[in-house]
Amino acid sequence: MAKKINRNLSEIDKSSFFIVQNCGTCHPGGGLGEYDRKGNLYYNEETKKFGYELSGDDPVLDGDYTPFSMGNPHYGAPWDRSGVSEADCLICHLKGYQWKERGATLRGGFFKYGPTVGAGWATAKLSQDESGKLKVDEVNVDYSKKEIADFDHLDLQIVRRPPDENCWSCHATSDGKKRGRQWSPETDIHKVKDLNCVSCHPSDRDHNFAKGNTLQETVRDDLDNTMHSCEDCHYKGKDRKAPRYKHPFSPRHMKRIACQTCHIPFLTASADLVYDHASTGGTTIYDTSKFLSSDPLDPKKSILGANPNIWYPTIREFKGKIIPAKSLVIIYWGDLDEKTNVVKPIFLWKIRELKKPPLKDDDRDGIPEINSLDEIKTFLKTLKGKDKFGNPLANHPALIKGGFLYQLDKKGEVEKIKHDQAENHDFSLSHNVMSGENVMGARGCKDCHSKKSPFFLRKVLIDPYDEKGKPVYIETWERLGIDKDKLSRLLLEQ
């Protein structure tokens, strides 16, 4: 997202208008959808004034009003035509809310009509945008429509506790991509027992929803650990209906290993595993089915008769406990700040507009990839040029890939060094909880402590293609920092 104040167009990627139009689908409105970063309405229909007219900022270089987005100088930010995206209470509290139609309305640039369409009080003419997503071309408001929300009976249709369908309308897409999460009786024992989203994530009057504590998300960290944990319900009795279990193994396991590590042994829906932003200037996505399988020890083969979408999460350390996570491998070009050692990604529109050096398809999947040292060297040299506005693409070009930063040394050769930003991005797993025979440890100690341990020896993708186009994996024990002597002891059958 573009900064509020920019020195030139080279600093701008996505404007606030772009964000509301393309990402506002999963946001209930208000905040960023309604007010600029100085607290002014983007456009006031009563005064007919834009927010920048009150602040005196230059709209062209203002991230909230610039017509420039994703390299397109004519993308536009017509807040006077779109209106603002006001807070929409019904997106959560109305049964049968038309979430997809509301999203299409925002993509069509009719921000102020999003809630009206979502409640079913409008007829919308739909088409598809360039990516194939639905967008609205025309909106005709008709408050006499009653199929979704009936003015005379709204008190019966508006619910205090949001139904799972309304929560899931937004969370299905993002959580599915990040974690492969599903919410059905087939995938989570809590859903089987008729628990719903707000059973574990209740809210107060100020809409502060209880939450756990996850690896990546930093929104409302002040609410971390405000929901009941597994131990709270199943050991400490905070939920009287929750079954109590006493495990037969050493209590050391409970102190060291999170409950979900064993109770989410695998997932059954594909999730995004690799984001390659570097090879084409677009985003090439590879999901778990390409590099993982139902055999945690050999990603190249699947277990006969197993669900082909099954994949095993990575296992890592987090705040003193071993937890499961979905790894995401991210590859991108950036500009290294040598003082702070921080790499700032180069906007993709700049990569797309480059005269890019040719790349080979070493892994023969039909998509050329950046992987050989010669390809990286040529690309890094190209990134020493300028963008279409005459500004440097990067002062110190770098490639982030597979745990390493690639840069040119003083002799102009490729130097490869470990870098924190090149490590996998891990997303916590806390849903799709299983019980019964699928739980890790259900068959005893040998589920983990054996020569073919699916726990310690499972493969974790680090790089989708090395210099020869082959995927690179490490094993769980390496991520946990276990040395080989300790691993040998752990793999002995107990």
Protein backbone atom coordinates (compact mmCIF):
# COMPACT_ATOMS: atom_id res chain seq x y z
CA MET A 1 0.00 0.00 0.00
CA ALA A 2 1.32 3.44 -0.94
CA LYS A 3 2.54 5.80 1.75
CA LYS A 4 0.41 8.85 2.48
CA ILE A 5 3.00 11.31 1.18
CA ASN A 6 5.31 10.28 -1.69
CA ARG A 7 8.13 12.14 -3.40
CA ASN A 8 7.47 10.70 -6.85
CA LEU A 9 5.37 8.07 -8.64
CA SER A 10 8.16 5.49 -8.37
CA GLU A 11 7.34 5.19 -4.65
CA ILE A 12 3.69 4.25 -5.26
CA ASP A 13 2.40 0.70 -5.68
CA LYS A 14 -1.26 0.36 -4.60
CA SER A 15 -3.43 3.34 -3.64
CA SER A 16 -6.08 3.31 -0.92
CA PHE A 17 -8.72 3.30 -3.66
CA PHE A 18 -7.13 0.17 -5.15
CA ILE A 19 -7.09 -1.53 -1.74
CA VAL A 20 -10.78 -0.83 -1.06
CA GLN A 21 -11.78 -1.88 -4.56
CA ASN A 22 -9.81 -5.13 -4.63
CA CYS A 23 -9.37 -6.09 -0.98
CA GLY A 24 -12.45 -4.50 0.59
CA THR A 25 -14.47 -7.66 0.00
CA CYS A 26 -13.26 -9.13 3.28
CA HIS A 27 -13.56 -5.91 5.29
CA PRO A 28 -16.83 -4.65 6.78
CA GLY A 29 -16.19 -1.04 5.76
CA GLY A 30 -15.44 2.04 7.80
CA GLY A 31 -11.86 2.96 8.71
CA LEU A 32 -9.67 2.78 5.62
CA GLY A 33 -12.74 2.34 3.43
CA GLU A 34 -14.25 5.62 4.58
CA TYR A 35 -11.57 7.99 5.87
CA ASP A 36 -8.13 9.00 4.63
CA ARG A 37 -5.06 8.88 6.84
CA LYS A 38 -5.69 12.38 8.16
CA GLY A 39 -9.21 11.50 9.31
CA ASN A 40 -11.08 13.21 6.47
CA LEU A 41 -13.80 11.58 4.39
CA TYR A 42 -12.37 10.67 1.01
CA TYR A 43 -15.32 12.52 -0.49
CA ASN A 44 -18.09 14.37 1.34
CA GLU A 45 -21.30 14.22 -0.69
CA GLU A 46 -22.82 17.14 1.23
CA THR A 47 -19.97 19.59 0.75
CA LYS A 48 -18.79 18.06 -2.57
CA LYS A 49 -15.21 18.19 -1.34
CA PHE A 50 -12.42 15.62 -1.38
CA GLY A 51 -10.37 15.04 1.75
CA TYR A 52 -7.19 16.34 0.13
CA GLU A 53 -8.89 19.72 -0.40
CA LEU A 54 -9.09 20.07 3.39
CA SER A 55 -5.52 18.98 4.06
CA GLY A 56 -3.94 20.76 1.08
CA ASP A 57 -1.94 17.70 -0.03
CA ASP A 58 -1.06 17.04 -3.67
CA PRO A 59 -3.54 14.30 -4.73
CA VAL A 60 -1.22 12.87 -7.38
CA LEU A 61 1.43 11.94 -4.82
CA ASP A 62 -1.02 11.25 -1.98
CA GLY A 63 -1.42 7.49 -1.43
CA ASP A 64 -5.08 8.01 -0.53
CA TYR A 65 -6.00 9.88 -3.73
CA THR A 66 -3.42 9.18 -6.41
CA PRO A 67 -4.79 7.97 -9.74
CA PHE A 68 -1.61 5.87 -10.07
CA SER A 69 -1.70 2.18 -9.03
CA MET A 70 0.32 -0.91 -9.96
CA GLY A 71 2.21 1.00 -12.65
CA ASN A 72 -0.98 2.28 -14.28
CA PRO A 73 -1.06 6.11 -14.29
CA HIS A 74 -4.73 6.07 -15.29
CA TYR A 75 -6.05 3.59 -12.72
CA GLY A 76 -7.95 6.43 -11.06
CA ALA A 77 -9.35 7.16 -7.62
CA PRO A 78 -12.85 8.54 -8.36
CA TRP A 79 -14.10 8.77 -4.78
CA ASP A 80 -16.80 11.19 -5.92
CA ARG A 81 -18.34 8.46 -8.13
CA SER A 82 -17.67 5.43 -5.93
CA GLY A 83 -18.66 6.97 -2.63
CA VAL A 84 -17.08 5.63 0.53
CA SER A 85 -17.33 2.14 2.01
CA GLU A 86 -19.16 2.69 5.28
CA ALA A 87 -19.27 0.18 8.14
CA ASP A 88 -21.68 -2.61 7.25
CA CYS A 89 -23.06 -4.33 10.36
CA LEU A 90 -25.19 -6.73 8.32
CA ILE A 91 -22.15 -8.43 6.77
CA CYS A 92 -21.88 -10.35 10.06
CA HIS A 93 -25.35 -10.09 11.57
CA LEU A 94 -27.76 -10.81 8.69
CA LYS A 95 -28.70 -14.36 7.78
CA GLY A 96 -28.22 -15.04 4.07
CA TYR A 97 -26.10 -11.94 3.46
CA GLN A 98 -25.00 -11.73 -0.20
CA TRP A 99 -21.27 -11.59 0.41
CA LYS A 100 -20.18 -12.41 -3.15
CA GLU A 101 -22.48 -9.79 -4.64
CA ARG A 102 -21.16 -7.17 -2.20
CA GLY A 103 -17.59 -8.02 -3.23
CA ALA A 104 -18.49 -7.69 -6.90
CA THR A 105 -20.05 -4.30 -6.16
CA LEU A 106 -16.80 -3.04 -4.62
CA ARG A 107 -14.76 -4.39 -7.52
CA GLY A 108 -17.08 -2.52 -9.87
CA GLY A 109 -16.28 0.73 -8.03
CA PHE A 110 -19.70 1.21 -6.38
CA PHE A 111 -18.39 1.40 -2.81
CA LYS A 112 -21.38 3.15 -1.24
CA TYR A 113 -23.79 0.53 -2.56
CA GLY A 114 -21.92 -2.46 -1.11
CA PRO A 115 -24.15 -2.82 1.99
CA THR A 116 -27.32 -2.29 -0.06
CA VAL A 117 -26.42 -5.03 -2.52
CA GLY A 118 -25.28 -7.33 0.30
CA ALA A 119 -28.67 -7.00 2.02
CA GLY A 120 -30.45 -7.82 -1.23
CA TRP A 121 -32.02 -4.38 -1.72
CA ALA A 122 -30.69 -3.87 -5.23
CA THR A 123 -30.44 -5.42 -8.67
CA ALA A 124 -26.86 -5.64 -9.90
CA LYS A 125 -25.68 -6.21 -13.45
CA LEU A 126 -22.67 -8.53 -13.27
CA SER A 127 -19.70 -9.22 -15.54
CA GLN A 128 -16.17 -10.60 -15.11
CA ASP A 129 -12.96 -8.62 -14.77
CA GLU A 130 -9.66 -9.57 -16.44
CA SER A 131 -8.85 -12.10 -13.69
CA GLY A 132 -12.23 -13.80 -14.03
CA LYS A 133 -13.69 -12.38 -10.81
CA LEU A 134 -17.24 -11.06 -10.75
CA LYS A 135 -17.73 -7.30 -10.79
CA VAL A 136 -20.82 -5.11 -10.92
CA ASP A 137 -21.32 -2.81 -13.91
CA GLU A 138 -24.59 -1.25 -12.82
CA VAL A 139 -26.61 -1.02 -9.59
CA ASN A 140 -30.34 -0.31 -9.34
CA VAL A 141 -31.48 0.16 -5.74
CA ASP A 142 -34.86 -1.36 -4.91
CA TYR A 143 -35.80 -1.25 -1.23
CA SER A 144 -39.00 -3.18 -1.90
CA LYS A 145 -37.03 -6.39 -2.41
CA LYS A 146 -37.53 -8.80 0.48
CA GLU A 147 -35.82 -12.02 -0.55
CA ILE A 148 -32.83 -11.48 1.78
CA ALA A 149 -33.74 -8.70 4.20
CA ASP A 150 -37.32 -7.60 4.80
CA PHE A 151 -37.71 -4.17 6.40
CA ASP A 152 -40.85 -5.32 8.19
CA HIS A 153 -39.13 -8.31 9.79
CA LEU A 154 -35.53 -7.22 10.19
CA ASP A 155 -35.73 -7.89 13.92
CA LEU A 156 -36.14 -11.57 13.09
CA GLN A 157 -33.47 -11.68 10.41
CA ILE A 158 -30.71 -9.82 12.21
CA VAL A 159 -28.94 -12.14 14.62
CA ARG A 160 -26.84 -11.25 17.65
CA ARG A 161 -24.43 -14.16 17.19
CA PRO A 162 -23.00 -14.15 13.67
CA PRO A 163 -23.64 -17.49 11.94
CA ASP A 164 -20.59 -19.47 10.84
CA GLU A 165 -21.50 -18.88 7.19
CA ASN A 166 -20.97 -15.14 7.62
CA CYS A 167 -17.61 -15.56 9.36
CA TRP A 168 -16.53 -18.12 6.81
CA SER A 169 -17.46 -15.94 3.83
CA CYS A 170 -14.35 -13.89 4.50
CA HIS A 171 -12.11 -16.32 6.35
CA ALA A 172 -12.51 -19.23 3.93
CA THR A 173 -10.50 -17.55 1.19
CA SER A 174 -7.60 -16.18 3.24
CA ASP A 175 -7.38 -19.05 5.70
CA GLY A 176 -7.71 -21.59 2.92
CA LYS A 177 -4.77 -20.08 1.05
CA LYS A 178 -2.62 -19.56 4.12
CA ARG A 179 -3.41 -22.76 6.02
CA GLY A 180 -5.63 -25.09 4.02
CA ARG A 181 -8.24 -24.55 6.71
CA GLN A 182 -11.75 -25.92 6.33
CA TRP A 183 -14.68 -25.73 8.73
CA SER A 184 -16.99 -28.73 8.45
CA PRO A 185 -17.97 -31.84 10.42
CA GLU A 186 -15.61 -33.80 8.18
CA THR A 187 -12.57 -31.71 9.09
CA ASP A 188 -12.97 -30.58 12.72
CA ILE A 189 -14.20 -32.46 15.77
CA HIS A 190 -15.49 -29.21 17.28
CA LYS A 191 -17.83 -28.68 14.33
CA VAL A 192 -19.08 -32.24 14.80
CA LYS A 193 -20.03 -31.29 18.37
CA ASP A 194 -22.00 -28.25 17.09
CA LEU A 195 -19.56 -25.61 18.25
CA ASN A 196 -19.50 -22.51 16.08
CA CYS A 197 -17.02 -19.71 15.47
CA VAL A 198 -18.17 -17.50 18.35
CA SER A 199 -18.15 -20.45 20.76
CA CYS A 200 -14.37 -20.06 20.86
CA HIS A 201 -14.12 -16.48 19.60
CA PRO A 202 -16.75 -14.54 21.60
CA SER A 203 -16.89 -10.77 21.37
CA ASP A 204 -17.63 -7.95 23.78
CA ARG A 205 -19.83 -4.96 22.97
CA ASP A 206 -16.92 -3.19 21.32
CA HIS A 207 -16.41 -6.10 18.91
CA ASN A 208 -13.15 -7.20 20.52
CA PHE A 209 -13.14 -10.84 19.47
CA ALA A 210 -11.25 -13.31 21.60
CA LYS A 211 -8.20 -14.70 19.87
CA GLY A 212 -5.21 -16.92 20.42
CA ASN A 213 -1.60 -16.12 19.63
CA THR A 214 -0.32 -16.91 16.16
CA LEU A 215 2.96 -16.70 14.31
CA GLN A 216 2.37 -14.10 11.60
CA GLU A 217 -0.65 -11.98 12.42
CA THR A 218 0.03 -8.79 14.39
CA VAL A 219 -3.47 -7.28 14.37
CA ARG A 220 -4.69 -6.59 17.92
CA ASP A 221 -1.83 -8.26 19.72
CA ASP A 222 -3.35 -6.80 22.88
CA LEU A 223 -6.05 -9.47 22.59
CA ASP A 224 -3.63 -12.40 22.36
CA ASN A 225 -4.64 -15.43 24.45
CA THR A 226 -8.06 -14.03 25.35
CA MET A 227 -9.84 -17.17 24.12
CA HIS A 228 -9.83 -20.49 25.96
CA SER A 229 -6.95 -22.77 25.06
CA CYS A 230 -7.20 -26.54 24.55
CA GLU A 231 -5.97 -27.04 28.12
CA ASP A 232 -8.51 -24.56 29.50
CA CYS A 233 -11.43 -26.56 28.16
CA HIS A 234 -10.15 -30.13 28.31
CA TYR A 235 -8.01 -30.06 31.47
CA LYS A 236 -8.98 -27.10 33.60
CA GLY A 237 -12.74 -27.54 33.18
CA LYS A 238 -13.57 -24.06 31.90
CA ASP A 239 -16.03 -25.70 29.49
CA ARG A 240 -18.18 -28.18 31.39
CA LYS A 241 -19.23 -29.96 28.21
CA ALA A 242 -15.70 -30.56 26.99
CA PRO A 243 -14.48 -34.14 27.49
CA ARG A 244 -11.56 -34.67 29.87
CA TYR A 245 -8.65 -36.80 28.75
CA LYS A 246 -5.63 -38.08 30.57
CA HIS A 247 -2.90 -39.16 28.21
CA PRO A 248 -0.93 -42.33 29.01
CA PHE A 249 2.44 -40.86 28.05
CA SER A 250 4.81 -38.73 30.09
CA PRO A 251 3.44 -35.31 31.16
CA ARG A 252 6.64 -33.84 29.70
CA HIS A 253 4.96 -34.10 26.31
CA MET A 254 2.15 -31.79 27.43
CA LYS A 255 4.61 -29.18 28.64
CA ARG A 256 6.74 -29.33 25.51
CA ILE A 257 4.28 -30.02 22.69
CA ALA A 258 1.14 -28.04 21.86
CA CYS A 259 -2.08 -30.06 21.72
CA GLN A 260 -2.69 -29.18 18.06
CA THR A 261 0.68 -30.66 17.05
CA CYS A 262 -0.73 -34.16 17.56
CA HIS A 263 -4.40 -33.36 16.95
CA ILE A 264 -3.77 -31.73 13.55
CA PRO A 265 -1.57 -34.50 12.10
CA PHE A 266 -2.33 -33.57 8.48
CA LEU A 267 -4.68 -31.43 6.38
CA THR A 268 -6.91 -32.49 3.52
CA ALA A 269 -7.25 -29.30 1.47
CA SER A 270 -4.54 -27.80 -0.72
CA ALA A 271 -2.97 -24.53 0.41
CA ASP A 272 -0.56 -22.06 -1.17
CA LEU A 273 3.01 -23.24 -0.60
CA VAL A 274 5.19 -21.07 -2.88
CA TYR A 275 4.84 -17.46 -4.01
CA ASP A 276 7.34 -16.74 -6.76
CA HIS A 277 7.26 -12.98 -7.37
CA ALA A 278 10.65 -12.95 -9.07
CA SER A 279 10.56 -15.09 -12.19
CA THR A 280 7.90 -13.32 -14.27
CA GLY A 281 7.03 -10.03 -12.57
CA GLY A 282 3.67 -11.57 -11.69
CA THR A 283 2.94 -13.96 -8.86
CA THR A 284 3.34 -17.63 -9.68
CA ILE A 285 1.64 -19.75 -7.03
CA TYR A 286 2.40 -23.40 -6.36
CA ASP A 287 0.18 -25.21 -3.87
CA THR A 288 0.94 -28.05 -1.49
CA SER A 289 -0.02 -30.72 -4.03
CA LYS A 290 3.03 -29.90 -6.16
CA PHE A 291 5.70 -30.35 -3.51
CA LEU A 292 4.06 -32.31 -0.65
CA SER A 293 2.10 -35.55 -0.52
CA SER A 294 0.30 -37.97 1.78
CA ASP A 295 3.70 -39.53 2.54
CA PRO A 296 5.46 -37.17 4.97
CA LEU A 297 8.80 -38.89 4.38
CA ASP A 298 8.72 -38.81 0.58
CA PRO A 299 6.92 -35.86 -1.06
CA LYS A 300 7.42 -37.46 -4.49
CA LYS A 301 4.98 -40.27 -3.82
CA SER A 302 1.55 -40.68 -2.28
CA ILE A 303 0.29 -43.48 -0.09
CA LEU A 304 -1.96 -45.82 -2.04
CA GLY A 305 -5.63 -45.09 -1.39
CA ALA A 306 -4.97 -41.88 0.55
CA ASN A 307 -6.66 -38.57 -0.24
CA PRO A 308 -4.44 -36.96 -2.94
CA ASN A 309 -4.81 -33.55 -1.27
CA ILE A 310 -3.38 -34.66 2.08
CA TRP A 311 -0.23 -32.86 3.21
CA TYR A 312 1.70 -32.75 6.47
CA PRO A 313 2.47 -29.44 8.19
CA THR A 314 5.87 -28.33 9.30
CA ILE A 315 6.67 -28.58 13.00
CA ARG A 316 8.56 -25.77 14.71
CA GLU A 317 9.25 -24.00 17.97
CA PHE A 318 7.13 -21.06 19.13
CA LYS A 319 7.32 -19.47 22.58
CA GLY A 320 8.67 -22.58 24.26
CA LYS A 321 6.35 -25.10 22.63
CA ILE A 322 6.46 -27.27 19.53
CA ILE A 323 3.59 -26.34 17.22
CA PRO A 324 2.36 -27.25 13.72
CA ALA A 325 2.49 -24.65 10.97
CA LYS A 326 1.91 -24.20 7.24
CA SER A 327 5.08 -22.92 5.63
CA LEU A 328 5.07 -20.44 2.78
CA VAL A 329 8.15 -20.06 0.58
CA ILE A 330 8.43 -16.54 -0.88
CA ILE A 331 10.82 -15.51 -3.66
CA TYR A 332 11.26 -11.85 -4.60
CA TRP A 333 13.63 -9.15 -5.83
CA GLY A 334 14.50 -6.43 -3.37
CA ASP A 335 16.69 -3.47 -2.48
CA LEU A 336 19.08 -4.19 0.40
CA ASP A 337 19.76 -1.48 2.96
CA GLU A 338 23.33 -2.33 3.95
CA LYS A 339 23.09 -0.37 7.22
CA THR A 340 20.03 -2.17 8.57
CA ASN A 341 20.35 -5.42 6.53
CA VAL A 342 16.67 -5.04 5.62
CA VAL A 343 15.50 -5.91 2.10
CA LYS A 344 12.64 -3.83 0.72
CA PRO A 345 10.73 -5.68 -2.04
CA ILE A 346 10.74 -4.08 -5.48
CA PHE A 347 7.22 -3.40 -6.71
CA LEU A 348 6.06 -6.02 -9.21
CA TRP A 349 4.95 -3.44 -11.76
CA LYS A 350 8.59 -2.40 -12.06
CA ILE A 351 9.67 -5.99 -12.66
CA ARG A 352 6.93 -6.49 -15.25
CA GLU A 353 8.02 -3.42 -17.20
CA LEU A 354 11.68 -4.48 -17.31
CA LYS A 355 13.27 -5.90 -20.40
CA LYS A 356 13.88 -9.14 -18.52
CA PRO A 357 16.67 -11.57 -19.31
CA PRO A 358 15.48 -14.96 -20.62
CA LEU A 359 14.92 -17.76 -18.11
CA LYS A 360 15.02 -21.52 -18.65
CA ASP A 361 12.35 -23.95 -17.49
CA ASP A 362 14.72 -26.25 -15.60
CA ASP A 363 11.99 -28.14 -13.72
CA ARG A 364 9.97 -28.62 -16.95
CA ASP A 365 6.63 -27.54 -15.54
CA GLY A 366 5.95 -25.11 -18.38
CA ILE A 367 6.90 -22.01 -16.35
CA PRO A 368 10.44 -20.56 -16.55
CA GLU A 369 11.95 -19.93 -13.14
CA ILE A 370 14.83 -17.88 -11.73
CA ASN A 371 17.26 -20.39 -10.24
CA SER A 372 20.65 -20.71 -11.95
CA LEU A 373 23.52 -18.46 -10.90
CA ASP A 374 23.88 -17.14 -14.45
CA GLU A 375 20.19 -16.15 -14.53
CA ILE A 376 20.42 -14.50 -11.11
CA LYS A 377 23.60 -12.64 -12.08
CA THR A 378 22.08 -11.27 -15.29
CA PHE A 379 18.88 -10.21 -13.52
CA LEU A 380 20.76 -8.47 -10.69
CA LYS A 381 22.71 -6.47 -13.25
CA THR A 382 19.47 -5.50 -14.99
CA LEU A 383 18.07 -4.24 -11.68
CA LYS A 384 20.83 -1.65 -11.52
CA GLY A 385 18.90 0.28 -14.17
CA LYS A 386 16.07 2.79 -13.85
CA ASP A 387 12.27 2.59 -13.96
CA LYS A 388 10.05 4.43 -16.45
CA PHE A 389 10.21 7.58 -14.33
CA GLY A 390 14.00 7.66 -14.42
CA ASN A 391 14.47 6.59 -10.80
CA PRO A 392 16.77 3.71 -9.72
CA LEU A 393 15.09 0.31 -9.50
CA ALA A 394 17.35 -0.57 -6.58
CA ASN A 395 20.46 0.87 -4.99
CA HIS A 396 21.62 -2.58 -3.93
CA PRO A 397 19.68 -5.26 -5.86
CA ALA A 398 19.13 -8.59 -4.10
CA LEU A 399 17.18 -11.80 -4.56
CA ILE A 400 15.45 -13.41 -1.59
CA LYS A 401 15.10 -17.16 -2.17
CA GLY A 402 15.29 -20.45 -0.29
CA GLY A 403 16.82 -19.14 2.93
CA PHE A 404 19.46 -17.08 1.14
CA LEU A 405 20.06 -13.56 -0.11
CA TYR A 406 21.77 -13.38 -3.51
CA GLN A 407 23.74 -10.24 -4.39
CA LEU A 408 26.63 -9.18 -6.59
CA ASP A 409 30.00 -8.92 -4.85
CA LYS A 410 32.66 -6.32 -5.65
CA LYS A 411 33.88 -8.44 -8.59
CA GLY A 412 30.38 -8.63 -10.07
CA GLU A 413 29.89 -12.28 -9.18
CA VAL A 414 26.89 -13.76 -7.34
CA GLU A 415 27.33 -13.99 -3.58
CA LYS A 416 24.94 -16.21 -1.61
CA ILE A 417 24.48 -15.58 2.12
CA LYS A 418 21.98 -16.67 4.76
CA HIS A 419 19.35 -14.03 5.53
CA ASP A 420 16.45 -13.96 7.99
CA GLN A 421 14.00 -12.53 5.45
CA ALA A 422 14.62 -15.51 3.17
CA GLU A 423 13.40 -18.05 5.74
CA ASN A 424 9.98 -19.66 5.35
CA HIS A 425 6.97 -17.68 6.51
CA ASP A 426 5.04 -19.98 8.84
CA PHE A 427 1.33 -19.72 9.61
CA SER A 428 -0.04 -21.28 12.79
CA LEU A 429 -2.49 -24.17 12.56
CA SER A 430 -5.21 -24.32 15.19
CA HIS A 431 -8.32 -25.56 13.37
CA ASN A 432 -9.18 -28.87 11.65
CA VAL A 433 -8.67 -30.65 14.97
CA MET A 434 -8.98 -34.45 14.81
CA SER A 435 -9.73 -37.16 17.34
CA GLY A 436 -9.50 -40.93 17.26
CA GLU A 437 -7.09 -43.09 15.33
CA ASN A 438 -5.71 -40.29 13.12
CA VAL A 439 -4.24 -38.41 16.08
CA MET A 440 -0.48 -38.66 16.30
CA GLY A 441 0.35 -40.99 19.17
CA ALA A 442 -2.95 -42.89 19.01
CA ARG A 443 -1.00 -46.06 18.22
CA GLY A 444 1.54 -45.46 20.94
CA CYS A 445 5.11 -44.16 21.13
CA LYS A 446 6.14 -45.65 17.79
CA ASP A 447 4.01 -43.06 15.97
CA CYS A 448 6.88 -40.64 16.58
CA HIS A 449 9.77 -42.62 18.06
CA SER A 450 10.78 -44.98 15.28
CA LYS A 451 13.32 -45.24 12.47
CA LYS A 452 10.73 -43.93 9.99
CA SER A 453 9.25 -41.27 12.22
CA PRO A 454 6.68 -39.08 10.41
CA PHE A 455 7.22 -36.55 13.18
CA PHE A 456 10.99 -35.99 13.27
CA LEU A 457 11.75 -37.00 9.67
CA ARG A 458 8.95 -35.36 7.73
CA LYS A 459 10.10 -33.18 4.85
CA VAL A 460 9.74 -29.39 4.79
CA LEU A 461 10.11 -27.51 1.49
CA ILE A 462 12.73 -24.75 1.66
CA ASP A 463 13.26 -23.91 -2.01
CA PRO A 464 11.09 -25.04 -4.95
CA TYR A 465 14.03 -25.08 -7.34
CA ASP A 466 17.76 -25.14 -6.71
CA GLU A 467 20.36 -24.25 -9.34
CA LYS A 468 19.39 -27.37 -11.32
CA GLY A 469 15.62 -26.92 -10.87
CA LYS A 470 15.22 -29.51 -8.10
CA PRO A 471 13.21 -28.86 -4.90
CA VAL A 472 15.15 -28.53 -1.64
CA TYR A 473 13.82 -30.02 1.59
CA ILE A 474 15.00 -30.25 5.17
CA GLU A 475 13.60 -32.46 7.94
CA THR A 476 11.72 -31.46 11.07
CA TRP A 477 14.56 -32.31 13.45
CA GLU A 478 16.72 -29.73 11.68
CA ARG A 479 14.08 -27.00 12.12
CA LEU A 480 13.80 -27.91 15.81
CA GLY A 481 17.57 -27.53 16.28
CA ILE A 482 18.08 -31.18 17.31
CA ASP A 483 21.56 -32.59 16.80
CA LYS A 484 22.15 -36.01 15.24
CA ASP A 485 23.08 -37.72 18.53
CA LYS A 486 19.84 -36.63 20.17
CA LEU A 487 17.90 -37.57 17.01
CA SER A 488 19.29 -41.10 17.20
CA ARG A 489 18.03 -41.44 20.77
CA LEU A 490 14.62 -40.01 19.86
CA LEU A 491 14.19 -42.43 16.97
CA LEU A 492 14.67 -45.49 19.17
CA GLU A 493 11.34 -47.22 19.77
CA GLN A 494 10.31 -46.48 23.35
